[in-house]
Structures are given as C-alpha cells and as structure tokens.
C-alpha cells in the first residue's frame, strides 16, 4: 500500500512506465501527464525495463547496510552503563 502522500500508486507507476517503454513517450511528457519529475519517470521506466510489472510495487526505504553502525561490543557497554 502506498503512503498517503505518494505521487504515484503502483498502478499509475505501471501506466507511466508503459507509456515511456512501450509507447515511446519521453520522460518529460509522461512526467508532465502524471505530475511528477522527469527523474521520477526515468526511475520507474528503468525499473519496468529491468523487472517488468512486478517492479512497480512499493519497497522498504530502510537501508540494507549501515557502514557506520555502532559495533555490538560498544552497544553492550552502553547498555551495561545504563
């Protein structure tokens, strides 16, 4: 489910991507029709090319890696001091 302020639902993303990929629209023209930026139109059309309709679903915004994450040893020390 899309969040309340999402510009595009998965169905609208699919339609936008199909206009660009399948029907030859420019990113700018498709973006204007759906009231999003050309960069957004490019992102969704690229994802459609790579993954097809399945790529239009919402994804988590949680980072997969956190390189500056506090080490487990330091976390245990902090918890112990509390």
PDB file of N, CA and C in Angstrom:
ATOM      1  N   UNK A   1       0.838  -1.183   0.000  1.00  0.00           N
ATOM      2  CA  UNK A   1       0.000   0.000   0.000  1.00  0.00           C
ATOM      3  C   UNK A   1       0.879   1.240   0.000  1.00  0.00           C
ATOM      4  N   UNK A   2       0.564   2.196  -0.844  1.00  0.00           N
ATOM      5  CA  UNK A   2       1.310   3.441  -0.931  1.00  0.00           C
ATOM      6  C   UNK A   2       1.001   4.314   0.272  1.00  0.00           C
ATOM      7  N   UNK A   3       1.976   5.142   0.654  1.00  0.00           N
ATOM      8  CA  UNK A   3       1.716   6.052   1.763  1.00  0.00           C
ATOM      9  C   UNK A   3       0.821   7.191   1.293  1.00  0.00           C
ATOM     10  N   UNK A   4       0.273   7.944   2.221  1.00  0.00           N
ATOM     11  CA  UNK A   4      -0.760   8.939   1.915  1.00  0.00           C
ATOM     12  C   UNK A   4      -0.295  10.031   0.961  1.00  0.00           C
ATOM     13  N   UNK A   5       0.983  10.383   0.991  1.00  0.00           N
ATOM     14  CA  UNK A   5       1.467  11.472   0.153  1.00  0.00           C
ATOM     15  C   UNK A   5       2.163  10.999  -1.120  1.00  0.00           C
ATOM     16  N   UNK A   6       2.050   9.743  -1.447  1.00  0.00           N
ATOM     17  CA  UNK A   6       2.708   9.212  -2.642  1.00  0.00           C
ATOM     18  C   UNK A   6       2.103   9.828  -3.895  1.00  0.00           C
ATOM     19  N   UNK A   7       2.978  10.251  -4.805  1.00  0.00           N
ATOM     20  CA  UNK A   7       2.502  10.843  -6.054  1.00  0.00           C
ATOM     21  C   UNK A   7       1.910   9.781  -6.975  1.00  0.00           C
ATOM     22  N   UNK A   8       2.458   8.586  -6.911  1.00  0.00           N
ATOM     23  CA  UNK A   8       2.016   7.521  -7.807  1.00  0.00           C
ATOM     24  C   UNK A   8       1.693   6.242  -7.041  1.00  0.00           C
ATOM     25  N   UNK A   9       0.610   5.612  -7.403  1.00  0.00           N
ATOM     26  CA  UNK A   9       0.291   4.289  -6.886  1.00  0.00           C
ATOM     27  C   UNK A   9       0.990   3.267  -7.785  1.00  0.00           C
ATOM     28  N   UNK A  10       1.089   2.017  -7.371  1.00  0.00           N
ATOM     29  CA  UNK A  10       1.702   1.022  -8.257  1.00  0.00           C
ATOM     30  C   UNK A  10       1.026   0.948  -9.635  1.00  0.00           C
ATOM     31  N   UNK A  11      -0.278   1.115  -9.694  1.00  0.00           N
ATOM     32  CA  UNK A  11      -0.983   1.078 -10.979  1.00  0.00           C
ATOM     33  C   UNK A  11      -0.591   2.274 -11.857  1.00  0.00           C
ATOM     34  N   UNK A  12      -0.489   3.451 -11.252  1.00  0.00           N
ATOM     35  CA  UNK A  12      -0.084   4.648 -12.005  1.00  0.00           C
ATOM     36  C   UNK A  12       1.377   4.544 -12.451  1.00  0.00           C
ATOM     37  N   UNK A  13       2.224   3.972 -11.608  1.00  0.00           N
ATOM     38  CA  UNK A  13       3.630   3.765 -11.984  1.00  0.00           C
ATOM     39  C   UNK A  13       3.723   2.875 -13.215  1.00  0.00           C
ATOM     40  N   UNK A  14       2.933   1.815 -13.212  1.00  0.00           N
ATOM     41  CA  UNK A  14       2.935   0.889 -14.338  1.00  0.00           C
ATOM     42  C   UNK A  14       2.483   1.600 -15.608  1.00  0.00           C
ATOM     43  N   UNK A  15       1.439   2.384 -15.520  1.00  0.00           N
ATOM     44  CA  UNK A  15       0.935   3.107 -16.695  1.00  0.00           C
ATOM     45  C   UNK A  15       1.986   4.094 -17.202  1.00  0.00           C
ATOM     46  N   UNK A  16       2.609   4.835 -16.293  1.00  0.00           N
ATOM     47  CA  UNK A  16       3.657   5.776 -16.679  1.00  0.00           C
ATOM     48  C   UNK A  16       4.798   5.048 -17.385  1.00  0.00           C
ATOM     49  N   UNK A  17       5.250   3.958 -16.787  1.00  0.00           N
ATOM     50  CA  UNK A  17       6.371   3.197 -17.358  1.00  0.00           C
ATOM     51  C   UNK A  17       6.011   2.620 -18.720  1.00  0.00           C
ATOM     52  N   UNK A  18       4.795   2.145 -18.874  1.00  0.00           N
ATOM     53  CA  UNK A  18       4.367   1.587 -20.158  1.00  0.00           C
ATOM     54  C   UNK A  18       4.317   2.664 -21.239  1.00  0.00           C
ATOM     55  N   UNK A  19       3.898   3.862 -20.875  1.00  0.00           N
ATOM     56  CA  UNK A  19       3.888   4.951 -21.852  1.00  0.00           C
ATOM     57  C   UNK A  19       5.295   5.238 -22.366  1.00  0.00           C
ATOM     58  N   UNK A  20       6.270   5.228 -21.465  1.00  0.00           N
ATOM     59  CA  UNK A  20       7.648   5.521 -21.856  1.00  0.00           C
ATOM     60  C   UNK A  20       8.255   4.346 -22.620  1.00  0.00           C
ATOM     61  N   UNK A  21       8.160   3.157 -22.058  1.00  0.00           N
ATOM     62  CA  UNK A  21       8.846   1.989 -22.622  1.00  0.00           C
ATOM     63  C   UNK A  21       8.117   1.428 -23.844  1.00  0.00           C
ATOM     64  N   UNK A  22       6.827   1.198 -23.715  1.00  0.00           N
ATOM     65  CA  UNK A  22       6.077   0.523 -24.772  1.00  0.00           C
ATOM     66  C   UNK A  22       5.535   1.452 -25.853  1.00  0.00           C
ATOM     67  N   UNK A  23       5.275   2.709 -25.486  1.00  0.00           N
ATOM     68  CA  UNK A  23       4.643   3.617 -26.439  1.00  0.00           C
ATOM     69  C   UNK A  23       5.554   4.748 -26.903  1.00  0.00           C
ATOM     70  N   UNK A  24       6.777   4.781 -26.407  1.00  0.00           N
ATOM     71  CA  UNK A  24       7.765   5.735 -26.901  1.00  0.00           C
ATOM     72  C   UNK A  24       7.631   7.163 -26.417  1.00  0.00           C
ATOM     73  N   UNK A  25       6.900   7.394 -25.355  1.00  0.00           N
ATOM     74  CA  UNK A  25       6.800   8.742 -24.805  1.00  0.00           C
ATOM     75  C   UNK A  25       8.147   9.140 -24.217  1.00  0.00           C
ATOM     76  N   UNK A  26       8.401  10.438 -24.156  1.00  0.00           N
ATOM     77  CA  UNK A  26       9.609  10.921 -23.473  1.00  0.00           C
ATOM     78  C   UNK A  26       9.340  10.936 -21.973  1.00  0.00           C
ATOM     79  N   UNK A  27      10.418  10.930 -21.207  1.00  0.00           N
ATOM     80  CA  UNK A  27      10.263  11.006 -19.749  1.00  0.00           C
ATOM     81  C   UNK A  27       9.558  12.304 -19.365  1.00  0.00           C
ATOM     82  N   UNK A  28       9.900  13.371 -20.054  1.00  0.00           N
ATOM     83  CA  UNK A  28       9.314  14.674 -19.735  1.00  0.00           C
ATOM     84  C   UNK A  28       7.811  14.694 -19.991  1.00  0.00           C
ATOM     85  N   UNK A  29       7.380  14.164 -21.125  1.00  0.00           N
ATOM     86  CA  UNK A  29       5.955  14.162 -21.459  1.00  0.00           C
ATOM     87  C   UNK A  29       5.161  13.288 -20.487  1.00  0.00           C
ATOM     88  N   UNK A  30       5.681  12.109 -20.181  1.00  0.00           N
ATOM     89  CA  UNK A  30       4.989  11.215 -19.244  1.00  0.00           C
ATOM     90  C   UNK A  30       4.967  11.826 -17.843  1.00  0.00           C
ATOM     91  N   UNK A  31       6.071  12.442 -17.447  1.00  0.00           N
ATOM     92  CA  UNK A  31       6.142  13.066 -16.124  1.00  0.00           C
ATOM     93  C   UNK A  31       5.121  14.191 -16.003  1.00  0.00           C
ATOM     94  N   UNK A  32       4.980  14.961 -17.050  1.00  0.00           N
ATOM     95  CA  UNK A  32       4.020  16.062 -17.037  1.00  0.00           C
ATOM     96  C   UNK A  32       2.595  15.528 -16.884  1.00  0.00           C
ATOM     97  N   UNK A  33       2.288  14.453 -17.581  1.00  0.00           N
ATOM     98  CA  UNK A  33       0.945  13.878 -17.509  1.00  0.00           C
ATOM     99  C   UNK A  33       0.612  13.384 -16.100  1.00  0.00           C
ATOM    100  N   UNK A  34       1.615  12.805 -15.405  1.00  0.00           N
ATOM    101  CA  UNK A  34       1.380  12.258 -14.071  1.00  0.00           C
ATOM    102  C   UNK A  34       1.790  13.215 -12.950  1.00  0.00           C
ATOM    103  N   UNK A  35       2.204  14.430 -13.331  1.00  0.00           N
ATOM    104  CA  UNK A  35       2.589  15.480 -12.376  1.00  0.00           C
ATOM    105  C   UNK A  35       3.712  15.042 -11.434  1.00  0.00           C
ATOM    106  N   UNK A  36       4.751  14.448 -12.019  1.00  0.00           N
ATOM    107  CA  UNK A  36       5.958  14.089 -11.287  1.00  0.00           C
ATOM    108  C   UNK A  36       7.154  14.627 -12.066  1.00  0.00           C
ATOM    109  N   UNK A  37       8.339  14.485 -11.512  1.00  0.00           N
ATOM    110  CA  UNK A  37       9.535  14.971 -12.194  1.00  0.00           C
ATOM    111  C   UNK A  37       9.971  13.994 -13.282  1.00  0.00           C
ATOM    112  N   UNK A  38      10.684  14.486 -14.291  1.00  0.00           N
ATOM    113  CA  UNK A  38      11.229  13.574 -15.304  1.00  0.00           C
ATOM    114  C   UNK A  38      12.160  12.524 -14.696  1.00  0.00           C
ATOM    115  N   UNK A  39      12.860  12.884 -13.629  1.00  0.00           N
ATOM    116  CA  UNK A  39      13.735  11.909 -12.953  1.00  0.00           C
ATOM    117  C   UNK A  39      12.919  10.753 -12.381  1.00  0.00           C
ATOM    118  N   UNK A  40      11.760  11.065 -11.813  1.00  0.00           N
ATOM    119  CA  UNK A  40      10.878  10.017 -11.289  1.00  0.00           C
ATOM    120  C   UNK A  40      10.371   9.134 -12.411  1.00  0.00           C
ATOM    121  N   UNK A  41       9.988   9.752 -13.516  1.00  0.00           N
ATOM    122  CA  UNK A  41       9.523   8.978 -14.672  1.00  0.00           C
ATOM    123  C   UNK A  41      10.631   8.066 -15.180  1.00  0.00           C
ATOM    124  N   UNK A  42      11.854   8.564 -15.181  1.00  0.00           N
ATOM    125  CA  UNK A  42      13.000   7.767 -15.614  1.00  0.00           C
ATOM    126  C   UNK A  42      13.234   6.586 -14.677  1.00  0.00           C
ATOM    127  N   UNK A  43      13.141   6.845 -13.372  1.00  0.00           N
ATOM    128  CA  UNK A  43      13.340   5.779 -12.383  1.00  0.00           C
ATOM    129  C   UNK A  43      12.348   4.644 -12.586  1.00  0.00           C
ATOM    130  N   UNK A  44      11.056   4.985 -12.740  1.00  0.00           N
ATOM    131  CA  UNK A  44      10.043   3.946 -12.870  1.00  0.00           C
ATOM    132  C   UNK A  44      10.119   3.232 -14.207  1.00  0.00           C
ATOM    133  N   UNK A  45      10.457   3.949 -15.265  1.00  0.00           N
ATOM    134  CA  UNK A  45      10.572   3.275 -16.565  1.00  0.00           C
ATOM    135  C   UNK A  45      11.795   2.360 -16.597  1.00  0.00           C
ATOM    136  N   UNK A  46      12.888   2.773 -15.961  1.00  0.00           N
ATOM    137  CA  UNK A  46      14.072   1.906 -15.871  1.00  0.00           C
ATOM    138  C   UNK A  46      13.765   0.646 -15.073  1.00  0.00           C
ATOM    139  N   UNK A  47      13.037   0.811 -13.976  1.00  0.00           N
ATOM    140  CA  UNK A  47      12.676  -0.343 -13.157  1.00  0.00           C
ATOM    141  C   UNK A  47      11.730  -1.281 -13.915  1.00  0.00           C
ATOM    142  N   UNK A  48      10.837  -0.711 -14.716  1.00  0.00           N
ATOM    143  CA  UNK A  48       9.918  -1.516 -15.532  1.00  0.00           C
ATOM    144  C   UNK A  48      10.696  -2.318 -16.569  1.00  0.00           C
ATOM    145  N   UNK A  49      11.691  -1.688 -17.192  1.00  0.00           N
ATOM    146  CA  UNK A  49      12.520  -2.406 -18.168  1.00  0.00           C
ATOM    147  C   UNK A  49      13.253  -3.571 -17.506  1.00  0.00           C
ATOM    148  N   UNK A  50      13.749  -3.356 -16.312  1.00  0.00           N
ATOM    149  CA  UNK A  50      14.550  -4.363 -15.616  1.00  0.00           C
ATOM    150  C   UNK A  50      13.709  -5.470 -14.987  1.00  0.00           C
ATOM    151  N   UNK A  51      12.544  -5.109 -14.421  1.00  0.00           N
ATOM    152  CA  UNK A  51      11.789  -6.066 -13.616  1.00  0.00           C
ATOM    153  C   UNK A  51      10.374  -6.339 -14.108  1.00  0.00           C
ATOM    154  N   UNK A  52       9.914  -5.568 -15.076  1.00  0.00           N
ATOM    155  CA  UNK A  52       8.552  -5.747 -15.551  1.00  0.00           C
ATOM    156  C   UNK A  52       7.543  -5.194 -14.564  1.00  0.00           C
ATOM    157  N   UNK A  53       6.283  -5.584 -14.694  1.00  0.00           N
ATOM    158  CA  UNK A  53       5.230  -5.068 -13.805  1.00  0.00           C
ATOM    159  C   UNK A  53       5.492  -5.342 -12.318  1.00  0.00           C
ATOM    160  N   UNK A  54       6.194  -6.409 -12.015  1.00  0.00           N
ATOM    161  CA  UNK A  54       6.478  -6.734 -10.611  1.00  0.00           C
ATOM    162  C   UNK A  54       7.351  -5.675  -9.943  1.00  0.00           C
ATOM    163  N   UNK A  55       8.089  -4.903 -10.711  1.00  0.00           N
ATOM    164  CA  UNK A  55       8.967  -3.879 -10.155  1.00  0.00           C
ATOM    165  C   UNK A  55       8.258  -2.610  -9.733  1.00  0.00           C
ATOM    166  N   UNK A  56       6.951  -2.536  -9.957  1.00  0.00           N
ATOM    167  CA  UNK A  56       6.215  -1.312  -9.650  1.00  0.00           C
ATOM    168  C   UNK A  56       5.694  -1.244  -8.219  1.00  0.00           C
ATOM    169  N   UNK A  57       5.878  -2.297  -7.455  1.00  0.00           N
ATOM    170  CA  UNK A  57       5.352  -2.328  -6.082  1.00  0.00           C
ATOM    171  C   UNK A  57       6.210  -1.473  -5.156  1.00  0.00           C
ATOM    172  N   UNK A  58       5.625  -1.104  -4.020  1.00  0.00           N
ATOM    173  CA  UNK A  58       6.341  -0.329  -3.014  1.00  0.00           C
ATOM    174  C   UNK A  58       7.468  -1.157  -2.421  1.00  0.00           C
ATOM    175  N   UNK A  59       8.533  -0.477  -2.062  1.00  0.00           N
ATOM    176  CA  UNK A  59       9.668  -1.125  -1.411  1.00  0.00           C
ATOM    177  C   UNK A  59       9.980  -0.412  -0.108  1.00  0.00           C
ATOM    178  N   UNK A  60      10.651  -1.103   0.769  1.00  0.00           N
ATOM    179  CA  UNK A  60      11.052  -0.501   2.029  1.00  0.00           C
ATOM    180  C   UNK A  60      12.130   0.552   1.774  1.00  0.00           C
ATOM    181  N   UNK A  61      12.078   1.632   2.537  1.00  0.00           N
ATOM    182  CA  UNK A  61      13.102   2.665   2.417  1.00  0.00           C
ATOM    183  C   UNK A  61      14.233   2.440   3.426  1.00  0.00           C
ATOM    184  N   UNK A  62      14.144   1.364   4.192  1.00  0.00           N
ATOM    185  CA  UNK A  62      15.167   1.041   5.183  1.00  0.00           C
ATOM    186  C   UNK A  62      16.456   0.654   4.468  1.00  0.00           C
ATOM    187  N   UNK A  63      17.579   1.229   4.874  1.00  0.00           N
ATOM    188  CA  UNK A  63      18.843   0.858   4.230  1.00  0.00           C
ATOM    189  C   UNK A  63      19.201  -0.599   4.505  1.00  0.00           C
ATOM    190  N   UNK A  64      19.781  -1.246   3.503  1.00  0.00           N
ATOM    191  CA  UNK A  64      20.171  -2.638   3.680  1.00  0.00           C
ATOM    192  C   UNK A  64      21.486  -2.757   4.452  1.00  0.00           C
ATOM    193  N   UNK A  65      22.328  -1.764   4.330  1.00  0.00           N
ATOM    194  CA  UNK A  65      23.605  -1.744   5.042  1.00  0.00           C
ATOM    195  C   UNK A  65      23.765  -0.428   5.784  1.00  0.00           C
ATOM    196  N   UNK A  66      24.465  -0.459   6.893  1.00  0.00           N
ATOM    197  CA  UNK A  66      24.764   0.747   7.647  1.00  0.00           C
ATOM    198  C   UNK A  66      26.249   0.707   8.017  1.00  0.00           C
ATOM    199  N   UNK A  67      27.110   1.221   7.145  1.00  0.00           N
ATOM    200  CA  UNK A  67      28.551   1.100   7.362  1.00  0.00           C
ATOM    201  C   UNK A  67      29.052   1.768   8.637  1.00  0.00           C
ATOM    202  N   UNK A  68      28.368   2.782   9.121  1.00  0.00           N
ATOM    203  CA  UNK A  68      28.837   3.462  10.332  1.00  0.00           C
ATOM    204  C   UNK A  68      28.089   2.999  11.578  1.00  0.00           C
ATOM    205  N   UNK A  69      27.504   1.834  11.503  1.00  0.00           N
ATOM    206  CA  UNK A  69      26.747   1.276  12.615  1.00  0.00           C
ATOM    207  C   UNK A  69      27.653   1.062  13.823  1.00  0.00           C
ATOM    208  N   UNK A  70      27.111   1.333  15.004  1.00  0.00           N
ATOM    209  CA  UNK A  70      27.854   1.125  16.244  1.00  0.00           C
ATOM    210  C   UNK A  70      28.063  -0.373  16.448  1.00  0.00           C
ATOM    211  N   UNK A  71      29.287  -0.733  16.812  1.00  0.00           N
ATOM    212  CA  UNK A  71      29.594  -2.153  16.975  1.00  0.00           C
ATOM    213  C   UNK A  71      28.808  -2.751  18.150  1.00  0.00           C
ATOM    214  N   UNK A  72      28.604  -4.051  18.092  1.00  0.00           N
ATOM    215  CA  UNK A  72      27.846  -4.754  19.138  1.00  0.00           C
ATOM    216  C   UNK A  72      28.539  -4.630  20.489  1.00  0.00           C
ATOM    217  N   UNK A  73      29.867  -4.629  20.491  1.00  0.00           N
ATOM    218  CA  UNK A  73      30.620  -4.506  21.741  1.00  0.00           C
ATOM    219  C   UNK A  73      30.347  -3.163  22.412  1.00  0.00           C
ATOM    220  N   UNK A  74      30.347  -2.100  21.640  1.00  0.00           N
ATOM    221  CA  UNK A  74      30.090  -0.769  22.186  1.00  0.00           C
ATOM    222  C   UNK A  74      28.644  -0.659  22.657  1.00  0.00           C
ATOM    223  N   UNK A  75      27.711  -1.243  21.913  1.00  0.00           N
ATOM    224  CA  UNK A  75      26.306  -1.224  22.322  1.00  0.00           C
ATOM    225  C   UNK A  75      26.147  -1.924  23.664  1.00  0.00           C
ATOM    226  N   UNK A  76      26.815  -3.078  23.827  1.00  0.00           N
ATOM    227  CA  UNK A  76      26.733  -3.796  25.121  1.00  0.00           C
ATOM    228  C   UNK A  76      27.303  -2.943  26.248  1.00  0.00           C
ATOM    229  N   UNK A  77      28.398  -2.241  26.007  1.00  0.00           N
ATOM    230  CA  UNK A  77      28.992  -1.363  27.034  1.00  0.00           C
ATOM    231  C   UNK A  77      28.019  -0.247  27.416  1.00  0.00           C
ATOM    232  N   UNK A  78      27.389   0.334  26.434  1.00  0.00           N
ATOM    233  CA  UNK A  78      26.438   1.420  26.702  1.00  0.00           C
ATOM    234  C   UNK A  78      25.262   0.901  27.513  1.00  0.00           C
ATOM    235  N   UNK A  79      24.719  -0.242  27.098  1.00  0.00           N
ATOM    236  CA  UNK A  79      23.597  -0.831  27.827  1.00  0.00           C
ATOM    237  C   UNK A  79      24.014  -1.172  29.253  1.00  0.00           C
ATOM    238  N   UNK A  80      25.225  -1.677  29.428  1.00  0.00           N
ATOM    239  CA  UNK A  80      25.716  -2.009  30.758  1.00  0.00           C
ATOM    240  C   UNK A  80      25.860  -0.782  31.655  1.00  0.00           C
ATOM    241  N   UNK A  81      26.233   0.336  31.087  1.00  0.00           N
ATOM    242  CA  UNK A  81      26.380   1.563  31.857  1.00  0.00           C
ATOM    243  C   UNK A  81      25.043   2.199  32.223  1.00  0.00           C
ATOM    244  N   UNK A  82      24.019   1.886  31.473  1.00  0.00           N
ATOM    245  CA  UNK A  82      22.691   2.457  31.775  1.00  0.00           C
ATOM    246  C   UNK A  82      22.136   1.742  32.965  1.00  0.00           C
TER     247      UNK A  82
END
